[in-house]
């Protein structure tokens, strides 16, 4: 019985660690995304930012999808600043855990 309790406790700790290790996905609506060069400028800014794991850009829908490493989060103002520094305007943002 003691080993079963230890196994359950270890499993719970593992799942808790995995939950903490999960990152965040930010879906950003951006004005002015018209060409691959535009996408490259935004992608470059985000990939230079600590904690960003990937950036996908949907030109047709004006959407920038940023995924972060576990524990890394951004405020809306931080995201707006990165987008503005790339020369664009962020219209909206949604955030969800990975």
Protein backbone atom coordinates (compact mmCIF):
# COMPACT_ATOMS: atom_id res chain seq x y z
CA UNK A 1 0.00 0.00 0.00
CA UNK A 2 2.85 2.39 0.84
CA UNK A 3 4.35 1.90 -2.64
CA UNK A 4 1.00 2.62 -4.26
CA UNK A 5 0.69 5.90 -2.34
CA UNK A 6 4.26 6.82 -3.36
CA UNK A 7 3.50 5.99 -7.00
CA UNK A 8 0.35 8.12 -6.96
CA UNK A 9 2.23 11.01 -5.35
CA UNK A 10 5.05 10.75 -7.90
CA UNK A 11 2.55 10.68 -10.76
CA UNK A 12 0.78 13.76 -9.39
CA UNK A 13 4.08 15.62 -9.14
CA UNK A 14 4.97 14.65 -12.69
CA UNK A 15 1.64 15.95 -14.03
CA UNK A 16 2.00 19.15 -12.03
CA UNK A 17 5.47 19.65 -13.50
CA UNK A 18 4.18 19.07 -17.02
CA UNK A 19 1.43 21.62 -16.46
CA UNK A 20 3.97 24.18 -15.30
CA UNK A 21 6.21 23.37 -18.27
CA UNK A 22 3.47 24.10 -20.76
CA UNK A 23 3.78 27.35 -22.65
CA UNK A 24 1.26 29.84 -23.91
CA UNK A 25 -0.12 30.55 -27.37
CA UNK A 26 -0.93 34.11 -28.38
CA UNK A 27 -3.11 34.75 -31.43
CA UNK A 28 -2.54 38.32 -32.54
CA UNK A 29 -4.61 40.17 -35.16
CA UNK A 30 -2.27 42.58 -36.93
CA UNK A 31 -3.01 45.37 -39.43
CA UNK A 32 -0.84 45.67 -42.52
CA UNK A 33 0.33 42.10 -43.05
CA UNK A 34 0.43 41.90 -46.83
CA UNK A 35 3.51 39.98 -47.94
CA UNK A 36 6.16 37.48 -46.81
CA UNK A 37 8.59 40.33 -46.16
CA UNK A 38 6.12 41.76 -43.62
CA UNK A 39 5.83 38.36 -41.99
CA UNK A 40 9.61 38.02 -41.83
CA UNK A 41 9.98 41.33 -40.00
CA UNK A 42 7.52 40.31 -37.28
CA UNK A 43 8.89 36.79 -37.05
CA UNK A 44 12.43 38.15 -36.64
CA UNK A 45 11.36 40.46 -33.77
CA UNK A 46 9.60 37.67 -31.89
CA UNK A 47 12.33 35.06 -32.37
CA UNK A 48 14.83 37.49 -30.80
CA UNK A 49 12.59 37.65 -27.72
CA UNK A 50 13.51 35.35 -24.85
CA UNK A 51 11.04 32.52 -24.27
CA UNK A 52 9.48 32.52 -27.75
CA UNK A 53 9.54 29.03 -29.23
CA UNK A 54 7.77 29.57 -32.55
CA UNK A 55 6.01 32.13 -34.70
CA UNK A 56 3.51 31.28 -37.45
CA UNK A 57 1.97 33.93 -39.65
CA UNK A 58 -1.26 33.68 -41.61
CA UNK A 59 -1.05 36.56 -44.13
CA UNK A 60 -4.53 35.97 -45.53
CA UNK A 61 -6.16 36.49 -42.12
CA UNK A 62 -3.66 38.96 -40.64
CA UNK A 63 -2.88 36.57 -37.81
CA UNK A 64 0.40 36.10 -35.94
CA UNK A 65 0.55 32.99 -33.74
CA UNK A 66 3.27 33.08 -31.08
CA UNK A 67 4.04 30.08 -28.89
CA UNK A 68 6.17 30.46 -25.78
CA UNK A 69 8.21 28.14 -23.62
CA UNK A 70 6.83 27.04 -20.28
CA UNK A 71 6.64 29.81 -17.73
CA UNK A 72 7.05 32.62 -20.29
CA UNK A 73 4.10 34.97 -20.61
CA UNK A 74 3.56 38.37 -22.17
CA UNK A 75 1.30 41.24 -21.26
CA UNK A 76 -0.82 42.78 -23.99
CA UNK A 77 1.37 45.90 -23.89
CA UNK A 78 4.55 43.85 -24.36
CA UNK A 79 3.06 42.20 -27.44
CA UNK A 80 1.88 45.55 -28.82
CA UNK A 81 5.38 46.94 -28.38
CA UNK A 82 6.98 44.06 -30.29
CA UNK A 83 4.43 44.42 -33.12
CA UNK A 84 4.86 48.22 -33.17
CA UNK A 85 8.66 47.89 -33.23
CA UNK A 86 8.25 45.72 -36.35
CA UNK A 87 6.22 48.54 -37.94
CA UNK A 88 2.69 47.17 -37.53
CA UNK A 89 -0.37 47.67 -35.35
CA UNK A 90 -1.89 44.96 -33.18
CA UNK A 91 -5.70 45.00 -33.33
CA UNK A 92 -6.47 42.26 -30.83
CA UNK A 93 -5.03 39.38 -28.86
CA UNK A 94 -6.22 36.07 -27.48
CA UNK A 95 -4.21 33.93 -25.10
CA UNK A 96 -4.49 30.23 -24.32
CA UNK A 97 -2.35 27.67 -22.51
CA UNK A 98 -0.67 24.98 -24.58
